[in-house]
Amino acid sequence: MTEQTTEPGSLGYQAPALRLFARLAEVQPTLPDAYLVFTGSEVKVQLESVGQIEAWREALHVAPQDVVHNEGASRTYLEFFTRVSGVAVHAYTTVDIAQPEQEGAAA
């Protein structure tokens, strides 16, 4: 039998995060799907809309005031960070900011 490794950079190191999200899929099957990136001991959860981030916030028991609003040059980011069963979770979505119309531009 080969020895299991749980060193950083190994798939075994990601096992707690993989188990957490497999369990989440079982107990919250209607939660909106997401683009998930497992990096070390953190999972990045990219969502498509404000409604989806709200659903994930509720499912992970994150307080509304813990959702951070960050404005970039062309997008607003809504995100939250939490830890669930020892796994760091960073969930976020982007929202396009309406560009102001230039004066004199054709309609």
PDB file of N, CA and C in Angstrom:
ATOM      1  N   MET A   1       0.844  -1.173   0.000  1.00  0.00           N
ATOM      2  CA  MET A   1       0.000   0.000   0.000  1.00  0.00           C
ATOM      3  C   MET A   1       0.893   1.241   0.000  1.00  0.00           C
ATOM      4  N   THR A   2       0.572   2.215  -0.844  1.00  0.00           N
ATOM      5  CA  THR A   2       1.375   3.431  -0.904  1.00  0.00           C
ATOM      6  C   THR A   2       0.945   4.413   0.177  1.00  0.00           C
ATOM      7  N   GLU A   3       1.907   5.220   0.627  1.00  0.00           N
ATOM      8  CA  GLU A   3       1.628   6.206   1.668  1.00  0.00           C
ATOM      9  C   GLU A   3       0.914   7.418   1.077  1.00  0.00           C
ATOM     10  N   GLN A   4      -0.134   7.891   1.756  1.00  0.00           N
ATOM     11  CA  GLN A   4      -0.886   9.065   1.323  1.00  0.00           C
ATOM     12  C   GLN A   4      -0.117  10.317   1.732  1.00  0.00           C
ATOM     13  N   THR A   5      -0.110  11.333   0.868  1.00  0.00           N
ATOM     14  CA  THR A   5       0.539  12.592   1.199  1.00  0.00           C
ATOM     15  C   THR A   5      -0.502  13.706   1.291  1.00  0.00           C
ATOM     16  N   THR A   6      -0.327  14.564   2.242  1.00  0.00           N
ATOM     17  CA  THR A   6      -1.202  15.722   2.355  1.00  0.00           C
ATOM     18  C   THR A   6      -0.356  16.992   2.391  1.00  0.00           C
ATOM     19  N   GLU A   7       0.741  16.973   1.671  1.00  0.00           N
ATOM     20  CA  GLU A   7       1.618  18.139   1.605  1.00  0.00           C
ATOM     21  C   GLU A   7       1.001  19.204   0.712  1.00  0.00           C
ATOM     22  N   PRO A   8       1.263  20.483   1.029  1.00  0.00           N
ATOM     23  CA  PRO A   8       0.798  21.552   0.131  1.00  0.00           C
ATOM     24  C   PRO A   8       1.271  21.279  -1.299  1.00  0.00           C
ATOM     25  N   GLY A   9       0.392  21.550  -2.239  1.00  0.00           N
ATOM     26  CA  GLY A   9       0.703  21.291  -3.640  1.00  0.00           C
ATOM     27  C   GLY A   9       0.276  19.910  -4.112  1.00  0.00           C
ATOM     28  N   SER A  10      -0.266  19.105  -3.206  1.00  0.00           N
ATOM     29  CA  SER A  10      -0.725  17.769  -3.591  1.00  0.00           C
ATOM     30  C   SER A  10      -2.251  17.727  -3.613  1.00  0.00           C
ATOM     31  N   LEU A  11      -2.800  16.794  -4.363  1.00  0.00           N
ATOM     32  CA  LEU A  11      -4.246  16.635  -4.415  1.00  0.00           C
ATOM     33  C   LEU A  11      -4.798  16.263  -3.040  1.00  0.00           C
ATOM     34  N   GLY A  12      -4.044  15.494  -2.292  1.00  0.00           N
ATOM     35  CA  GLY A  12      -4.468  15.120  -0.946  1.00  0.00           C
ATOM     36  C   GLY A  12      -4.658  16.316  -0.043  1.00  0.00           C
ATOM     37  N   TYR A  13      -3.875  17.349  -0.251  1.00  0.00           N
ATOM     38  CA  TYR A  13      -3.984  18.581   0.533  1.00  0.00           C
ATOM     39  C   TYR A  13      -5.323  19.271   0.278  1.00  0.00           C
ATOM     40  N   GLN A  14      -5.873  19.061  -0.913  1.00  0.00           N
ATOM     41  CA  GLN A  14      -7.148  19.664  -1.275  1.00  0.00           C
ATOM     42  C   GLN A  14      -8.348  18.809  -0.858  1.00  0.00           C
ATOM     43  N   ALA A  15      -8.113  17.649  -0.318  1.00  0.00           N
ATOM     44  CA  ALA A  15      -9.200  16.725   0.027  1.00  0.00           C
ATOM     45  C   ALA A  15     -10.265  17.350   0.922  1.00  0.00           C
ATOM     46  N   PRO A  16      -9.916  18.112   1.973  1.00  0.00           N
ATOM     47  CA  PRO A  16     -10.981  18.716   2.795  1.00  0.00           C
ATOM     48  C   PRO A  16     -11.891  19.639   1.979  1.00  0.00           C
ATOM     49  N   ALA A  17     -11.321  20.425   1.079  1.00  0.00           N
ATOM     50  CA  ALA A  17     -12.129  21.329   0.254  1.00  0.00           C
ATOM     51  C   ALA A  17     -13.000  20.536  -0.713  1.00  0.00           C
ATOM     52  N   LEU A  18     -12.458  19.503  -1.297  1.00  0.00           N
ATOM     53  CA  LEU A  18     -13.237  18.678  -2.219  1.00  0.00           C
ATOM     54  C   LEU A  18     -14.398  18.002  -1.490  1.00  0.00           C
ATOM     55  N   ARG A  19     -14.138  17.497  -0.284  1.00  0.00           N
ATOM     56  CA  ARG A  19     -15.210  16.874   0.513  1.00  0.00           C
ATOM     57  C   ARG A  19     -16.280  17.896   0.876  1.00  0.00           C
ATOM     58  N   LEU A  20     -15.850  19.095   1.273  1.00  0.00           N
ATOM     59  CA  LEU A  20     -16.799  20.139   1.648  1.00  0.00           C
ATOM     60  C   LEU A  20     -17.745  20.454   0.499  1.00  0.00           C
ATOM     61  N   PHE A  21     -17.212  20.623  -0.713  1.00  0.00           N
ATOM     62  CA  PHE A  21     -18.067  20.993  -1.834  1.00  0.00           C
ATOM     63  C   PHE A  21     -18.896  19.819  -2.339  1.00  0.00           C
ATOM     64  N   ALA A  22     -18.410  18.604  -2.191  1.00  0.00           N
ATOM     65  CA  ALA A  22     -19.231  17.438  -2.523  1.00  0.00           C
ATOM     66  C   ALA A  22     -20.417  17.360  -1.563  1.00  0.00           C
ATOM     67  N   ARG A  23     -20.164  17.616  -0.291  1.00  0.00           N
ATOM     68  CA  ARG A  23     -21.240  17.600   0.709  1.00  0.00           C
ATOM     69  C   ARG A  23     -22.222  18.742   0.473  1.00  0.00           C
ATOM     70  N   LEU A  24     -21.699  19.922   0.128  1.00  0.00           N
ATOM     71  CA  LEU A  24     -22.560  21.064  -0.157  1.00  0.00           C
ATOM     72  C   LEU A  24     -23.498  20.746  -1.319  1.00  0.00           C
ATOM     73  N   ALA A  25     -22.995  20.062  -2.333  1.00  0.00           N
ATOM     74  CA  ALA A  25     -23.827  19.681  -3.478  1.00  0.00           C
ATOM     75  C   ALA A  25     -24.941  18.727  -3.062  1.00  0.00           C
ATOM     76  N   GLU A  26     -24.676  17.898  -2.050  1.00  0.00           N
ATOM     77  CA  GLU A  26     -25.700  16.967  -1.571  1.00  0.00           C
ATOM     78  C   GLU A  26     -26.773  17.669  -0.748  1.00  0.00           C
ATOM     79  N   VAL A  27     -26.373  18.583   0.134  1.00  0.00           N
ATOM     80  CA  VAL A  27     -27.343  19.197   1.041  1.00  0.00           C
ATOM     81  C   VAL A  27     -27.982  20.461   0.473  1.00  0.00           C
ATOM     82  N   GLN A  28     -27.396  21.045  -0.564  1.00  0.00           N
ATOM     83  CA  GLN A  28     -27.926  22.250  -1.214  1.00  0.00           C
ATOM     84  C   GLN A  28     -27.980  22.023  -2.739  1.00  0.00           C
ATOM     85  N   PRO A  29     -28.717  21.022  -3.198  1.00  0.00           N
ATOM     86  CA  PRO A  29     -28.681  20.681  -4.626  1.00  0.00           C
ATOM     87  C   PRO A  29     -29.213  21.771  -5.556  1.00  0.00           C
ATOM     88  N   THR A  30     -29.980  22.720  -5.041  1.00  0.00           N
ATOM     89  CA  THR A  30     -30.522  23.772  -5.899  1.00  0.00           C
ATOM     90  C   THR A  30     -29.658  25.042  -5.892  1.00  0.00           C
ATOM     91  N   LEU A  31     -28.548  25.008  -5.168  1.00  0.00           N
ATOM     92  CA  LEU A  31     -27.635  26.147  -5.148  1.00  0.00           C
ATOM     93  C   LEU A  31     -27.128  26.392  -6.572  1.00  0.00           C
ATOM     94  N   PRO A  32     -27.087  27.662  -7.016  1.00  0.00           N
ATOM     95  CA  PRO A  32     -26.632  27.928  -8.389  1.00  0.00           C
ATOM     96  C   PRO A  32     -25.224  27.377  -8.625  1.00  0.00           C
ATOM     97  N   ASP A  33     -25.021  26.865  -9.832  1.00  0.00           N
ATOM     98  CA  ASP A  33     -23.692  26.351 -10.141  1.00  0.00           C
ATOM     99  C   ASP A  33     -22.691  27.499 -10.199  1.00  0.00           C
ATOM    100  N   ALA A  34     -21.420  27.153 -10.089  1.00  0.00           N
ATOM    101  CA  ALA A  34     -20.377  28.165 -10.028  1.00  0.00           C
ATOM    102  C   ALA A  34     -19.122  27.624 -10.696  1.00  0.00           C
ATOM    103  N   TYR A  35     -18.250  28.545 -11.053  1.00  0.00           N
ATOM    104  CA  TYR A  35     -16.920  28.187 -11.525  1.00  0.00           C
ATOM    105  C   TYR A  35     -16.069  28.075 -10.268  1.00  0.00           C
ATOM    106  N   LEU A  36     -15.587  26.873  -9.962  1.00  0.00           N
ATOM    107  CA  LEU A  36     -14.834  26.621  -8.740  1.00  0.00           C
ATOM    108  C   LEU A  36     -13.360  26.417  -9.065  1.00  0.00           C
ATOM    109  N   VAL A  37     -12.511  27.085  -8.314  1.00  0.00           N
ATOM    110  CA  VAL A  37     -11.064  26.911  -8.459  1.00  0.00           C
ATOM    111  C   VAL A  37     -10.519  26.502  -7.096  1.00  0.00           C
ATOM    112  N   PHE A  38      -9.959  25.308  -7.036  1.00  0.00           N
ATOM    113  CA  PHE A  38      -9.365  24.790  -5.813  1.00  0.00           C
ATOM    114  C   PHE A  38      -7.868  25.088  -5.867  1.00  0.00           C
ATOM    115  N   THR A  39      -7.416  25.980  -4.986  1.00  0.00           N
ATOM    116  CA  THR A  39      -5.999  26.342  -4.943  1.00  0.00           C
ATOM    117  C   THR A  39      -5.504  26.140  -3.522  1.00  0.00           C
ATOM    118  N   GLY A  40      -4.737  25.108  -3.323  1.00  0.00           N
ATOM    119  CA  GLY A  40      -4.244  24.825  -1.982  1.00  0.00           C
ATOM    120  C   GLY A  40      -5.392  24.595  -1.031  1.00  0.00           C
ATOM    121  N   SER A  41      -5.452  25.398   0.014  1.00  0.00           N
ATOM    122  CA  SER A  41      -6.511  25.233   1.014  1.00  0.00           C
ATOM    123  C   SER A  41      -7.628  26.261   0.844  1.00  0.00           C
ATOM    124  N   GLU A  42      -7.686  26.921  -0.316  1.00  0.00           N
ATOM    125  CA  GLU A  42      -8.728  27.907  -0.582  1.00  0.00           C
ATOM    126  C   GLU A  42      -9.520  27.497  -1.818  1.00  0.00           C
ATOM    127  N   VAL A  43     -10.811  27.832  -1.787  1.00  0.00           N
ATOM    128  CA  VAL A  43     -11.674  27.600  -2.946  1.00  0.00           C
ATOM    129  C   VAL A  43     -12.209  28.946  -3.387  1.00  0.00           C
ATOM    130  N   LYS A  44     -12.005  29.275  -4.657  1.00  0.00           N
ATOM    131  CA  LYS A  44     -12.567  30.494  -5.235  1.00  0.00           C
ATOM    132  C   LYS A  44     -13.848  30.101  -5.955  1.00  0.00           C
ATOM    133  N   VAL A  45     -14.913  30.824  -5.653  1.00  0.00           N
ATOM    134  CA  VAL A  45     -16.239  30.539  -6.192  1.00  0.00           C
ATOM    135  C   VAL A  45     -16.659  31.730  -7.043  1.00  0.00           C
ATOM    136  N   GLN A  46     -16.583  31.582  -8.362  1.00  0.00           N
ATOM    137  CA  GLN A  46     -16.970  32.680  -9.257  1.00  0.00           C
ATOM    138  C   GLN A  46     -18.416  32.479  -9.670  1.00  0.00           C
ATOM    139  N   LEU A  47     -19.225  33.522  -9.441  1.00  0.00           N
ATOM    140  CA  LEU A  47     -20.652  33.461  -9.721  1.00  0.00           C
ATOM    141  C   LEU A  47     -21.013  34.453 -10.809  1.00  0.00           C
ATOM    142  N   GLU A  48     -22.174  34.261 -11.441  1.00  0.00           N
ATOM    143  CA  GLU A  48     -22.568  35.070 -12.593  1.00  0.00           C
ATOM    144  C   GLU A  48     -23.435  36.269 -12.276  1.00  0.00           C
ATOM    145  N   SER A  49     -23.994  36.340 -11.057  1.00  0.00           N
ATOM    146  CA  SER A  49     -24.918  37.433 -10.789  1.00  0.00           C
ATOM    147  C   SER A  49     -24.992  37.736  -9.292  1.00  0.00           C
ATOM    148  N   VAL A  50     -25.577  38.881  -9.001  1.00  0.00           N
ATOM    149  CA  VAL A  50     -25.803  39.283  -7.616  1.00  0.00           C
ATOM    150  C   VAL A  50     -26.739  38.283  -6.929  1.00  0.00           C
ATOM    151  N   GLY A  51     -27.762  37.834  -7.628  1.00  0.00           N
ATOM    152  CA  GLY A  51     -28.679  36.850  -7.063  1.00  0.00           C
ATOM    153  C   GLY A  51     -27.979  35.558  -6.675  1.00  0.00           C
ATOM    154  N   GLN A  52     -27.019  35.149  -7.492  1.00  0.00           N
ATOM    155  CA  GLN A  52     -26.285  33.924  -7.182  1.00  0.00           C
ATOM    156  C   GLN A  52     -25.383  34.103  -5.960  1.00  0.00           C
ATOM    157  N   ILE A  53     -24.732  35.254  -5.867  1.00  0.00           N
ATOM    158  CA  ILE A  53     -23.875  35.455  -4.686  1.00  0.00           C
ATOM    159  C   ILE A  53     -24.727  35.503  -3.417  1.00  0.00           C
ATOM    160  N   GLU A  54     -25.928  36.042  -3.535  1.00  0.00           N
ATOM    161  CA  GLU A  54     -26.843  36.079  -2.395  1.00  0.00           C
ATOM    162  C   GLU A  54     -27.232  34.657  -1.978  1.00  0.00           C
ATOM    163  N   ALA A  55     -27.509  33.796  -2.938  1.00  0.00           N
ATOM    164  CA  ALA A  55     -27.870  32.410  -2.631  1.00  0.00           C
ATOM    165  C   ALA A  55     -26.711  31.688  -1.927  1.00  0.00           C
ATOM    166  N   TRP A  56     -25.504  31.897  -2.423  1.00  0.00           N
ATOM    167  CA  TRP A  56     -24.330  31.278  -1.797  1.00  0.00           C
ATOM    168  C   TRP A  56     -24.074  31.865  -0.414  1.00  0.00           C
ATOM    169  N   ARG A  57     -24.270  33.164  -0.263  1.00  0.00           N
ATOM    170  CA  ARG A  57     -24.089  33.805   1.036  1.00  0.00           C
ATOM    171  C   ARG A  57     -24.999  33.154   2.073  1.00  0.00           C
ATOM    172  N   GLU A  58     -26.273  32.981   1.702  1.00  0.00           N
ATOM    173  CA  GLU A  58     -27.232  32.362   2.616  1.00  0.00           C
ATOM    174  C   GLU A  58     -26.857  30.907   2.913  1.00  0.00           C
ATOM    175  N   ALA A  59     -26.476  30.176   1.892  1.00  0.00           N
ATOM    176  CA  ALA A  59     -26.146  28.750   2.068  1.00  0.00           C
ATOM    177  C   ALA A  59     -24.932  28.556   2.979  1.00  0.00           C
ATOM    178  N   LEU A  60     -23.983  29.493   2.921  1.00  0.00           N
ATOM    179  CA  LEU A  60     -22.773  29.375   3.737  1.00  0.00           C
ATOM    180  C   LEU A  60     -22.875  30.146   5.049  1.00  0.00           C
ATOM    181  N   HIS A  61     -24.077  30.681   5.337  1.00  0.00           N
ATOM    182  CA  HIS A  61     -24.347  31.387   6.593  1.00  0.00           C
ATOM    183  C   HIS A  61     -23.411  32.576   6.806  1.00  0.00           C
ATOM    184  N   VAL A  62     -23.235  33.364   5.751  1.00  0.00           N
ATOM    185  CA  VAL A  62     -22.422  34.582   5.820  1.00  0.00           C
ATOM    186  C   VAL A  62     -23.372  35.750   6.052  1.00  0.00           C
ATOM    187  N   ALA A  63     -23.037  36.607   6.985  1.00  0.00           N
ATOM    188  CA  ALA A  63     -23.882  37.762   7.298  1.00  0.00           C
ATOM    189  C   ALA A  63     -23.885  38.746   6.123  1.00  0.00           C
ATOM    190  N   PRO A  64     -25.018  39.389   5.853  1.00  0.00           N
ATOM    191  CA  PRO A  64     -25.094  40.343   4.733  1.00  0.00           C
ATOM    192  C   PRO A  64     -24.015  41.427   4.809  1.00  0.00           C
ATOM    193  N   GLN A  65     -23.690  41.896   5.999  1.00  0.00           N
ATOM    194  CA  GLN A  65     -22.688  42.950   6.120  1.00  0.00           C
ATOM    195  C   GLN A  65     -21.272  42.465   5.814  1.00  0.00           C
ATOM    196  N   ASP A  66     -21.094  41.160   5.661  1.00  0.00           N
ATOM    197  CA  ASP A  66     -19.779  40.624   5.314  1.00  0.00           C
ATOM    198  C   ASP A  66     -19.547  40.535   3.809  1.00  0.00           C
ATOM    199  N   VAL A  67     -20.542  40.941   3.028  1.00  0.00           N
ATOM    200  CA  VAL A  67     -20.357  41.021   1.571  1.00  0.00           C
ATOM    201  C   VAL A  67     -19.735  42.384   1.289  1.00  0.00           C
ATOM    202  N   VAL A  68     -18.589  42.363   0.614  1.00  0.00           N
ATOM    203  CA  VAL A  68     -17.816  43.572   0.354  1.00  0.00           C
ATOM    204  C   VAL A  68     -18.110  44.066  -1.056  1.00  0.00           C
ATOM    205  N   HIS A  69     -18.254  45.357  -1.186  1.00  0.00           N
ATOM    206  CA  HIS A  69     -18.517  46.014  -2.472  1.00  0.00           C
ATOM    207  C   HIS A  69     -17.243  46.757  -2.869  1.00  0.00           C
ATOM    208  N   ASN A  70     -16.597  46.349  -3.947  1.00  0.00           N
ATOM    209  CA  ASN A  70     -15.388  47.000  -4.443  1.00  0.00           C
ATOM    210  C   ASN A  70     -15.638  47.505  -5.845  1.00  0.00           C
ATOM    211  N   GLU A  71     -15.272  48.749  -6.093  1.00  0.00           N
ATOM    212  CA  GLU A  71     -15.449  49.317  -7.436  1.00  0.00           C
ATOM    213  C   GLU A  71     -14.122  49.385  -8.158  1.00  0.00           C
ATOM    214  N   GLY A  72     -14.121  48.844  -9.381  1.00  0.00           N
ATOM    215  CA  GLY A  72     -12.971  48.945 -10.248  1.00  0.00           C
ATOM    216  C   GLY A  72     -13.251  49.971 -11.323  1.00  0.00           C
ATOM    217  N   ALA A  73     -12.380  50.062 -12.310  1.00  0.00           N
ATOM    218  CA  ALA A  73     -12.539  51.045 -13.378  1.00  0.00           C
ATOM    219  C   ALA A  73     -13.788  50.774 -14.220  1.00  0.00           C
ATOM    220  N   SER A  74     -14.088  49.511 -14.486  1.00  0.00           N
ATOM    221  CA  SER A  74     -15.223  49.210 -15.353  1.00  0.00           C
ATOM    222  C   SER A  74     -16.215  48.217 -14.733  1.00  0.00           C
ATOM    223  N   ARG A  75     -15.925  47.728 -13.550  1.00  0.00           N
ATOM    224  CA  ARG A  75     -16.805  46.741 -12.926  1.00  0.00           C
ATOM    225  C   ARG A  75     -16.874  46.949 -11.430  1.00  0.00           C
ATOM    226  N   THR A  76     -17.977  46.535 -10.877  1.00  0.00           N
ATOM    227  CA  THR A  76     -18.133  46.480  -9.433  1.00  0.00           C
ATOM    228  C   THR A  76     -18.013  45.014  -9.032  1.00  0.00           C
ATOM    229  N   TYR A  77     -17.281  44.774  -7.981  1.00  0.00           N
ATOM    230  CA  TYR A  77     -17.108  43.417  -7.482  1.00  0.00           C
ATOM    231  C   TYR A  77     -17.863  43.276  -6.176  1.00  0.00           C
ATOM    232  N   LEU A  78     -18.623  42.225  -6.059  1.00  0.00           N
ATOM    233  CA  LEU A  78     -19.246  41.850  -4.792  1.00  0.00           C
ATOM    234  C   LEU A  78     -18.586  40.552  -4.377  1.00  0.00           C
ATOM    235  N   GLU A  79     -18.114  40.508  -3.144  1.00  0.00           N
ATOM    236  CA  GLU A  79     -17.394  39.313  -2.714  1.00  0.00           C
ATOM    237  C   GLU A  79     -17.519  39.118  -1.220  1.00  0.00           C
ATOM    238  N   PHE A  80     -17.275  37.884  -0.817  1.00  0.00           N
ATOM    239  CA  PHE A  80     -17.159  37.607   0.604  1.00  0.00           C
ATOM    240  C   PHE A  80     -16.143  36.509   0.811  1.00  0.00           C
ATOM    241  N   PHE A  81     -15.561  36.545   1.987  1.00  0.00           N
ATOM    242  CA  PHE A  81     -14.601  35.545   2.412  1.00  0.00           C
ATOM    243  C   PHE A  81     -15.169  34.882   3.647  1.00  0.00           C
ATOM    244  N   THR A  82     -15.045  33.575   3.719  1.00  0.00           N
ATOM    245  CA  THR A  82     -15.498  32.859   4.903  1.00  0.00           C
ATOM    246  C   THR A  82     -14.662  31.597   5.054  1.00  0.00           C
ATOM    247  N   ARG A  83     -14.809  30.950   6.173  1.00  0.00           N
ATOM    248  CA  ARG A  83     -14.155  29.667   6.418  1.00  0.00           C
ATOM    249  C   ARG A  83     -15.252  28.692   6.824  1.00  0.00           C
ATOM    250  N   VAL A  84     -15.307  27.566   6.132  1.00  0.00           N
ATOM    251  CA  VAL A  84     -16.318  26.549   6.396  1.00  0.00           C
ATOM    252  C   VAL A  84     -15.589  25.236   6.643  1.00  0.00           C
ATOM    253  N   SER A  85     -15.780  24.673   7.812  1.00  0.00           N
ATOM    254  CA  SER A  85     -15.116  23.416   8.187  1.00  0.00           C
ATOM    255  C   SER A  85     -13.612  23.475   7.916  1.00  0.00           C
ATOM    256  N   GLY A  86     -13.006  24.612   8.207  1.00  0.00           N
ATOM    257  CA  GLY A  86     -11.568  24.762   8.033  1.00  0.00           C
ATOM    258  C   GLY A  86     -11.113  25.107   6.625  1.00  0.00           C
ATOM    259  N   VAL A  87     -12.051  25.238   5.700  1.00  0.00           N
ATOM    260  CA  VAL A  87     -11.721  25.539   4.306  1.00  0.00           C
ATOM    261  C   VAL A  87     -12.017  27.013   4.029  1.00  0.00           C
ATOM    262  N   ALA A  88     -11.030  27.729   3.504  1.00  0.00           N
ATOM    263  CA  ALA A  88     -11.215  29.132   3.139  1.00  0.00           C
ATOM    264  C   ALA A  88     -12.004  29.207   1.841  1.00  0.00           C
ATOM    265  N   VAL A  89     -13.049  30.039   1.828  1.00  0.00           N
ATOM    266  CA  VAL A  89     -13.901  30.197   0.647  1.00  0.00           C
ATOM    267  C   VAL A  89     -13.948  31.678   0.289  1.00  0.00           C
ATOM    268  N   HIS A  90     -13.660  31.974  -0.971  1.00  0.00           N
ATOM    269  CA  HIS A  90     -13.734  33.344  -1.499  1.00  0.00           C
ATOM    270  C   HIS A  90     -14.754  33.306  -2.632  1.00  0.00           C
ATOM    271  N   ALA A  91     -15.928  33.878  -2.396  1.00  0.00           N
ATOM    272  CA  ALA A  91     -16.988  33.908  -3.409  1.00  0.00           C
ATOM    273  C   ALA A  91     -17.097  35.320  -3.957  1.00  0.00           C
ATOM    274  N   TYR A  92     -17.288  35.428  -5.265  1.00  0.00           N
ATOM    275  CA  TYR A  92     -17.370  36.760  -5.865  1.00  0.00           C
ATOM    276  C   TYR A  92     -18.146  36.738  -7.173  1.00  0.00           C
ATOM    277  N   THR A  93     -18.596  37.930  -7.553  1.00  0.00           N
ATOM    278  CA  THR A  93     -19.223  38.139  -8.847  1.00  0.00           C
ATOM    279  C   THR A  93     -18.846  39.534  -9.312  1.00  0.00           C
ATOM    280  N   THR A  94     -18.944  39.770 -10.579  1.00  0.00           N
ATOM    281  CA  THR A  94     -18.695  41.111 -11.113  1.00  0.00           C
ATOM    282  C   THR A  94     -19.976  41.621 -11.741  1.00  0.00           C
ATOM    283  N   VAL A  95     -20.134  42.931 -11.668  1.00  0.00           N
ATOM    284  CA  VAL A  95     -21.305  43.582 -12.250  1.00  0.00           C
ATOM    285  C   VAL A  95     -20.794  44.717 -13.111  1.00  0.00           C
ATOM    286  N   ASP A  96     -21.200  44.753 -14.374  1.00  0.00           N
ATOM    287  CA  ASP A  96     -20.786  45.846 -15.252  1.00  0.00           C
ATOM    288  C   ASP A  96     -21.378  47.151 -14.771  1.00  0.00           C
ATOM    289  N   ILE A  97     -20.560  48.173 -14.811  1.00  0.00           N
ATOM    290  CA  ILE A  97     -21.022  49.512 -14.466  1.00  0.00           C
ATOM    291  C   ILE A  97     -21.447  50.188 -15.759  1.00  0.00           C
ATOM    292  N   ALA A  98     -22.639  50.756 -15.769  1.00  0.00           N
ATOM    293  CA  ALA A  98     -23.130  51.448 -16.968  1.00  0.00           C
ATOM    294  C   ALA A  98     -22.208  52.616 -17.279  1.00  0.00           C
ATOM    295  N   GLN A  99     -21.780  52.695 -18.511  1.00  0.00           N
ATOM    296  CA  GLN A  99     -20.912  53.786 -18.951  1.00  0.00           C
ATOM    297  C   GLN A  99     -21.767  54.994 -19.291  1.00  0.00           C
ATOM    298  N   PRO A 100     -21.403  56.175 -18.802  1.00  0.00           N
ATOM    299  CA  PRO A 100     -22.188  57.367 -19.133  1.00  0.00           C
ATOM    300  C   PRO A 100     -22.068  57.689 -20.624  1.00  0.00           C
ATOM    301  N   GLU A 101     -23.201  58.129 -21.194  1.00  0.00           N
ATOM    302  CA  GLU A 101     -23.180  58.481 -22.610  1.00  0.00           C
ATOM    303  C   GLU A 101     -22.416  59.785 -22.773  1.00  0.00           C
ATOM    304  N   GLN A 102     -21.642  59.862 -23.855  1.00  0.00           N
ATOM    305  CA  GLN A 102     -20.880  61.084 -24.122  1.00  0.00           C
ATOM    306  C   GLN A 102     -21.814  62.120 -24.720  1.00  0.00           C
ATOM    307  N   GLU A 103     -21.603  63.380 -24.335  1.00  0.00           N
ATOM    308  CA  GLU A 103     -22.412  64.459 -24.869  1.00  0.00           C
ATOM    309  C   GLU A 103     -22.249  64.535 -26.389  1.00  0.00           C
ATOM    310  N   GLY A 104     -23.350  64.725 -27.064  1.00  0.00           N
ATOM    311  CA  GLY A 104     -23.293  64.856 -28.507  1.00  0.00           C
ATOM    312  C   GLY A 104     -23.243  63.531 -29.247  1.00  0.00           C
ATOM    313  N   ALA A 105     -23.201  62.401 -28.546  1.00  0.00           N
ATOM    314  CA  ALA A 105     -23.155  61.098 -29.206  1.00  0.00           C
ATOM    315  C   ALA A 105     -24.520  60.805 -29.804  1.00  0.00           C
ATOM    316  N   ALA A 106     -24.499  60.146 -30.945  1.00  0.00           N
ATOM    317  CA  ALA A 106     -25.746  59.799 -31.621  1.00  0.00           C
ATOM    318  C   ALA A 106     -26.485  58.749 -30.812  1.00  0.00           C
ATOM    319  N   ALA A 107     -27.781  58.854 -30.739  1.00  0.00           N
ATOM    320  CA  ALA A 107     -28.589  57.906 -29.976  1.00  0.00           C
ATOM    321  C   ALA A 107     -28.910  56.695 -30.788  1.00  0.00           C
TER     322      ALA A 107
END
